[in-house]
Protein backbone atom coordinates (compact mmCIF):
# COMPACT_ATOMS: atom_id res chain seq x y z
CA MET A 1 -5.02 -44.38 -26.59
CA ARG A 2 -1.79 -42.43 -27.15
CA PHE A 3 1.58 -43.40 -28.63
CA ALA A 4 4.58 -43.02 -26.32
CA THR A 5 6.21 -40.34 -28.45
CA PRO A 6 7.27 -36.74 -27.74
CA LEU A 7 4.56 -34.19 -28.53
CA THR A 8 4.58 -30.41 -28.82
CA VAL A 9 1.40 -28.36 -29.18
CA THR A 10 1.70 -24.73 -30.17
CA GLY A 11 -1.00 -22.08 -30.14
CA PRO A 12 -1.48 -19.12 -32.47
CA TYR A 13 -0.05 -15.66 -31.84
CA ARG A 14 -2.28 -13.64 -29.57
CA SER A 15 -2.29 -9.99 -28.47
CA PRO A 16 -2.81 -9.87 -24.70
CA ALA A 17 -4.62 -6.84 -23.35
CA GLN A 18 -3.48 -4.42 -20.65
CA MET A 19 -6.26 -4.21 -18.07
CA LEU A 20 -4.39 -2.80 -15.06
CA ALA A 21 -3.76 0.80 -16.14
CA ALA A 22 -6.10 1.91 -13.35
CA GLN A 23 -4.65 -0.43 -10.72
CA GLU A 24 -3.89 1.11 -7.32
CA TYR A 25 -1.38 -0.31 -4.88
CA ASP A 26 -1.10 1.21 -1.40
CA GLY A 27 -3.08 4.25 -2.63
CA HIS A 28 -0.87 5.02 -5.64
CA ALA A 29 -0.53 3.91 -9.25
CA SER A 30 1.22 0.62 -9.97
CA VAL A 31 3.91 -0.37 -12.40
CA HIS A 32 1.14 -1.12 -14.90
CA ASP A 33 0.59 2.62 -15.32
CA ASP A 34 2.54 4.10 -18.28
CA ALA A 35 4.00 7.06 -16.39
CA THR A 36 4.99 4.92 -13.39
CA ALA A 37 6.62 2.31 -15.64
CA ALA A 38 8.56 5.07 -17.41
CA SER A 39 9.89 6.31 -14.08
CA LEU A 40 11.58 2.91 -13.67
CA GLY A 41 13.07 2.97 -17.14
CA LEU A 42 10.65 0.40 -18.54
CA ALA A 43 9.67 0.50 -22.25
CA GLY A 44 6.00 0.57 -21.32
CA ALA A 45 3.44 -0.54 -18.75
CA PRO A 46 3.75 -4.32 -18.59
CA ILE A 47 0.79 -6.63 -18.99
CA GLU A 48 0.29 -8.63 -15.83
CA GLY A 49 2.07 -11.99 -15.99
CA PRO A 50 -0.94 -14.23 -15.22
CA THR A 51 -2.58 -12.95 -18.39
CA HIS A 52 -0.26 -15.20 -20.37
CA LEU A 53 -1.47 -18.34 -18.55
CA SER A 54 -4.69 -18.25 -20.59
CA GLN A 55 -2.71 -19.14 -23.70
CA LEU A 56 -1.62 -22.37 -21.98
CA ASP A 57 -5.18 -23.56 -21.24
CA PRO A 58 -6.26 -24.71 -24.74
CA LEU A 59 -2.88 -26.52 -25.14
CA ALA A 60 -3.27 -28.39 -21.87
CA VAL A 61 -6.92 -29.25 -22.53
CA ALA A 62 -5.94 -30.59 -25.97
CA LEU A 63 -3.55 -33.04 -24.26
CA TRP A 64 -5.29 -33.82 -20.95
CA GLY A 65 -8.95 -32.80 -21.37
CA PRO A 66 -11.13 -31.27 -18.64
CA ALA A 67 -8.84 -32.74 -15.97
CA TRP A 68 -6.69 -29.63 -16.53
CA PHE A 69 -9.32 -27.56 -14.72
CA GLU A 70 -9.62 -30.09 -11.92
CA ARG A 71 -5.99 -31.08 -11.17
CA GLY A 72 -3.82 -29.00 -13.52
CA CYS A 73 -0.71 -27.12 -12.43
CA ALA A 74 0.92 -24.23 -14.33
CA SER A 75 4.24 -23.16 -12.82
CA CYS A 76 5.92 -20.27 -14.63
CA HIS A 77 8.94 -17.98 -14.45
CA PHE A 78 8.32 -14.65 -16.16
CA ARG A 79 11.34 -13.67 -18.23
CA THR A 80 10.43 -10.58 -20.24
CA MET A 81 7.68 -8.02 -19.87
CA VAL A 82 5.02 -7.65 -22.58
CA VAL A 83 3.30 -4.40 -23.46
CA GLU A 84 -0.04 -4.04 -25.18
CA GLY A 85 0.28 -4.42 -28.94
CA GLU A 86 2.95 -7.15 -28.80
CA GLN A 87 2.08 -10.63 -29.91
CA VAL A 88 2.80 -13.78 -27.91
CA GLN A 89 2.79 -17.44 -28.82
CA ALA A 90 2.64 -20.30 -26.31
CA SER A 91 3.69 -23.94 -26.59
CA LEU A 92 3.55 -27.10 -24.45
CA ALA A 93 5.93 -30.00 -24.97
CA VAL A 94 5.59 -33.41 -23.31
CA PRO A 95 8.38 -35.98 -23.52
CA ASP A 96 5.94 -38.85 -23.71
CA GLY A 97 2.48 -38.52 -25.18
CA SER A 98 1.04 -40.64 -22.34
CA VAL A 99 2.64 -38.60 -19.53
CA ALA A 100 0.68 -35.78 -17.87
CA ALA A 101 3.63 -33.45 -17.46
CA GLY A 102 5.53 -31.13 -19.77
CA ILE A 103 7.47 -27.95 -20.43
CA VAL A 104 5.73 -24.67 -21.35
CA GLU A 105 7.07 -21.54 -22.90
CA ALA A 106 5.79 -18.36 -24.47
CA ARG A 107 7.64 -16.09 -26.87
CA LYS A 108 7.11 -12.78 -28.64
CA ALA A 109 6.98 -12.64 -32.42
CA ASP A 110 10.70 -11.79 -32.54
CA GLY A 111 11.59 -14.87 -30.45
CA THR A 112 12.09 -13.04 -27.15
CA PRO A 113 11.12 -15.40 -24.29
CA VAL A 114 8.17 -14.23 -22.20
CA LEU A 115 7.90 -17.18 -19.78
CA THR A 116 9.22 -20.65 -19.21
CA GLY A 117 7.94 -23.33 -16.87
CA THR A 118 6.17 -26.61 -16.34
CA ALA A 119 2.62 -27.89 -16.71
CA SER A 120 1.24 -31.10 -15.26
CA VAL A 121 -1.92 -32.84 -14.16
CA GLY A 122 -2.07 -34.40 -10.70
CA PRO A 123 -2.51 -35.74 -8.25
CA ASP A 124 1.17 -36.76 -8.58
CA HIS A 125 3.11 -33.78 -9.93
CA PRO A 126 6.83 -33.97 -10.71
CA PRO A 127 8.96 -31.09 -9.35
CA THR A 128 7.56 -27.88 -10.81
CA GLU A 129 9.39 -24.85 -12.15
CA LEU A 130 8.89 -23.02 -8.82
CA ASP A 131 9.84 -26.08 -6.76
CA GLN A 132 13.17 -26.12 -8.56
CA ARG A 133 13.74 -22.37 -8.22
CA ARG A 134 12.98 -22.32 -4.50
CA ALA A 135 15.30 -25.24 -3.91
CA LYS A 136 18.18 -23.14 -5.23
CA LEU A 137 17.55 -20.14 -2.94
CA GLY A 138 20.18 -19.18 -0.37
CA ASP A 139 20.40 -16.56 2.30
CA PRO A 140 18.73 -13.43 0.90
CA GLY A 141 21.22 -11.13 2.60
CA GLU A 142 20.45 -7.73 4.13
CA LEU A 143 17.00 -6.47 3.22
CA PHE A 144 15.59 -2.91 3.32
CA VAL A 145 12.08 -3.12 1.79
CA ILE A 146 10.87 -6.54 2.94
CA ASP A 147 12.96 -6.60 6.13
CA ARG A 148 9.82 -6.84 8.34
CA LEU A 149 8.68 -10.04 6.64
CA GLU A 150 9.36 -13.41 8.31
CA VAL A 151 9.26 -16.81 6.65
CA GLY A 152 6.52 -18.85 8.29
CA ALA A 153 4.18 -15.91 8.87
CA ARG A 154 0.55 -16.81 8.20
CA GLN A 155 -2.71 -14.97 7.52
CA GLU A 156 -6.09 -16.63 7.43
CA GLY A 157 -9.81 -16.03 7.79
CA GLU A 158 -10.42 -14.12 4.57
CA VAL A 159 -13.31 -15.38 2.39
CA VAL A 160 -13.51 -14.26 -1.26
CA SER A 161 -15.13 -15.13 -4.55
CA ILE A 162 -14.95 -14.26 -8.23
CA GLU A 163 -18.33 -12.95 -9.39
CA HIS A 164 -19.23 -12.56 -13.03
CA ASP A 165 -20.13 -8.85 -12.98
CA ALA A 166 -18.38 -7.46 -9.88
CA PRO A 167 -14.96 -5.74 -10.00
CA ASN A 168 -12.19 -7.21 -7.90
CA GLY A 169 -10.96 -4.32 -5.79
CA ALA A 170 -8.35 -1.59 -6.39
CA GLY A 171 -5.78 -4.19 -7.28
CA TYR A 172 -7.90 -5.65 -10.06
CA PRO A 173 -10.37 -2.96 -11.17
CA PHE A 174 -12.26 -5.10 -13.65
CA SER A 175 -14.93 -7.78 -13.50
CA LEU A 176 -14.74 -11.31 -14.87
CA ALA A 177 -17.22 -10.21 -17.52
CA ALA A 178 -14.85 -7.41 -18.61
CA LYS A 179 -11.92 -9.82 -18.67
CA LEU A 180 -13.81 -12.26 -20.87
CA GLU A 181 -14.36 -9.52 -23.43
CA ARG A 182 -10.56 -9.24 -23.90
CA ILE A 183 -9.16 -12.60 -22.76
CA THR A 184 -6.85 -14.19 -25.33
CA GLU A 185 -8.62 -17.55 -25.14
CA PRO A 186 -12.38 -17.26 -24.57
CA HIS A 187 -14.40 -20.36 -23.72
CA PRO A 188 -18.14 -20.87 -23.02
CA TRP A 189 -17.33 -22.65 -19.73
CA TYR A 190 -16.27 -19.31 -18.25
CA THR A 191 -19.73 -17.75 -18.78
CA PRO A 192 -22.98 -18.14 -16.85
CA GLU A 193 -24.76 -19.48 -19.96
CA GLY A 194 -22.03 -21.76 -21.23
CA GLY A 195 -21.02 -22.90 -17.75
CA ALA A 196 -24.31 -24.75 -17.37
CA GLY A 197 -23.12 -27.03 -20.19
CA SER A 198 -19.64 -27.61 -18.71
CA PRO A 199 -18.68 -31.02 -17.32
CA TRP A 200 -19.40 -29.63 -13.86
CA GLY A 201 -22.68 -27.83 -14.67
CA ARG A 202 -21.23 -24.45 -13.50
CA ALA A 203 -19.08 -21.65 -14.83
CA VAL A 204 -15.35 -22.09 -14.02
CA VAL A 205 -12.80 -19.38 -13.32
CA PRO A 206 -10.09 -19.09 -16.00
CA MET A 207 -6.65 -20.22 -14.78
CA GLU A 208 -5.29 -16.68 -15.03
CA MET A 209 -8.07 -15.36 -12.75
CA VAL A 210 -7.29 -17.83 -9.93
CA SER A 211 -4.42 -15.52 -8.93
CA VAL A 212 -6.86 -12.61 -8.85
CA LEU A 213 -8.98 -14.60 -6.41
CA THR A 214 -6.03 -14.99 -4.03
CA ALA A 215 -4.78 -11.40 -4.27
CA LYS A 216 -7.86 -9.24 -4.88
CA THR A 217 -7.81 -7.65 -1.45
CA GLY A 218 -4.35 -6.15 -1.93
CA PRO A 219 -0.99 -6.52 -0.12
CA ALA A 220 -0.86 -9.19 2.55
CA TRP A 221 2.52 -8.47 4.13
CA PRO A 222 4.15 -5.38 5.72
CA VAL A 223 6.31 -4.41 2.74
CA ARG A 224 7.74 -0.90 3.19
CA THR A 225 6.00 1.69 1.04
CA PRO A 226 5.59 3.62 -1.12
CA SER A 227 7.27 1.12 -3.41
CA LEU A 228 6.49 -0.59 -6.71
CA GLY A 229 6.26 -4.32 -7.31
CA LEU A 230 5.76 -6.89 -10.01
CA PHE A 231 5.21 -10.66 -10.39
CA LEU A 232 8.38 -12.67 -10.98
CA ASP A 233 7.05 -16.27 -10.77
CA LEU A 234 3.60 -17.81 -10.39
CA GLU A 235 2.34 -21.33 -9.82
CA ILE A 236 -1.37 -22.23 -9.86
CA ARG A 237 -2.01 -25.79 -8.74
CA LEU A 238 -5.60 -27.13 -8.75
CA VAL A 239 -6.11 -29.84 -6.14
CA GLU A 240 -9.84 -30.52 -6.15
CA GLY A 241 -10.94 -28.08 -8.83
CA PRO A 242 -12.29 -26.40 -10.72
CA VAL A 243 -12.48 -22.98 -9.08
CA PHE A 244 -16.07 -21.94 -9.71
CA VAL A 245 -17.50 -18.54 -10.48
CA GLY A 246 -19.59 -17.27 -7.55
CA GLN A 247 -18.30 -19.85 -5.07
CA ARG A 248 -16.96 -18.61 -1.72
CA TYR A 249 -13.38 -19.66 -0.85
CA ALA A 250 -11.42 -19.26 2.34
CA LEU A 251 -7.77 -18.20 1.98
CA THR A 252 -4.77 -19.11 4.09
CA ARG A 253 -1.50 -17.36 3.19
CA GLU A 254 1.96 -18.41 4.29
CA LEU A 255 5.25 -16.68 3.64
CA VAL A 256 7.55 -19.44 2.41
CA ALA A 257 10.74 -17.70 1.26
CA LEU A 258 12.59 -14.36 0.91
CA SER A 259 15.12 -13.51 -1.81
CA GLN A 260 16.70 -10.72 -3.75
CA SER A 261 18.30 -9.98 -7.08
CA ARG A 262 20.34 -7.09 -8.47
CA ARG A 263 17.25 -4.92 -8.89
CA THR A 264 14.58 -6.36 -6.59
CA GLU A 265 13.85 -7.74 -3.16
CA SER A 266 11.21 -10.41 -3.28
CA TYR A 267 8.99 -12.68 -1.26
CA TRP A 268 7.23 -15.99 -1.92
CA THR A 269 3.66 -16.52 -0.72
CA ARG A 270 1.75 -19.80 -0.76
CA THR A 271 -2.01 -19.32 -0.62
CA THR A 272 -4.26 -22.29 0.07
CA VAL A 273 -7.75 -21.92 -1.40
CA THR A 274 -10.41 -23.86 0.50
CA ASP A 275 -14.06 -24.30 -0.52
CA ALA A 276 -15.97 -22.47 2.20
CA ASP A 277 -18.89 -24.91 1.96
CA THR A 278 -17.11 -28.25 1.81
CA GLY A 279 -13.80 -27.51 3.55
CA ARG A 280 -11.92 -29.17 0.72
CA THR A 281 -8.66 -27.72 -0.62
CA THR A 282 -9.49 -26.50 -4.10
CA ALA A 283 -6.16 -24.92 -5.13
CA GLU A 284 -2.74 -23.76 -4.01
CA VAL A 285 -1.13 -20.66 -5.49
CA VAL A 286 2.56 -19.71 -5.06
CA LEU A 287 3.39 -16.15 -5.98
CA HIS A 288 6.93 -14.81 -6.10
CA ALA A 289 6.51 -11.01 -5.96
CA GLY A 290 9.35 -8.57 -6.36
CA VAL A 291 9.74 -4.95 -5.25
CA PHE A 292 11.93 -2.58 -7.24
CA LYS A 293 14.72 -1.31 -4.94
CA GLU A 294 14.89 2.07 -6.58
CA SER A 295 11.14 2.65 -6.11
CA TYR A 296 11.56 2.88 -2.32
CA ARG A 297 12.87 6.31 -1.28
CA GLY A 298 14.46 4.94 1.87
CA TYR A 299 16.62 2.45 0.00
CA PRO A 300 20.38 3.00 0.51
CA ARG A 301 21.60 4.42 -2.78
CA ASP A 302 24.89 2.53 -2.56
CA ARG A 303 22.97 -0.75 -2.44
CA ILE A 304 21.23 -0.20 -5.80
CA ALA A 305 23.15 -1.76 -8.65
């Protein structure tokens, strides 16, 4: 039983870890490398955005229980980069204590916003943060880095898994075991030993690592290179979850939108994650990835603001 009254749950300050210093993208260092970040005028190598989703998990479970790992949806717009050593605090507010939908945010210790978005538990989700942002997109205009991409393009046939001890390719050069040593919100359900005692009798993949599952093999679209990118928005929607450690999943990617801002050109990819054994849709992930215009040598200088 819950009273129909607004609720806000807030977590403690956490210090997220930088685990992508050795990341390679198209054979070169990524924006998560200190020197590469400095070349773009950034204050430091940013921590990957999905890392912050782990701070939402205990808040959502406190409100909605294990259903968060079965039908939860975190939809977030990343507002400010975080570098290792900075502290971040997350909160989740629901307008009605009985409603499985709310607003999420994370802020640095000085109040700087890190992310904003929505969280909900399905199957019936209200419009998410990314639903609302995509609805406002117009014509992206002339493009020079992602000009070979076409909305509606699809890729399928890839089968992947998150194993406990295996690294996840050049894009994610760490294992789940290594991540769990530094994750902001550890939980026994993520481990082989503790997973046996989970509601599903198996270890589950942390929400932040679902995006690793969908992107561990590297770039999926013919973006012009060499260039440097970053995550702008991310939505992870569990349909018939959880996503299990060691389970094989088939991926189908679809390019759903193109856009640009003053400093980036960007593309939106929806990846459907299907259980390779049952054929059931386990999750859908929407990633809005940006490419820094100035990082591509062929970009017209007069088009860079």
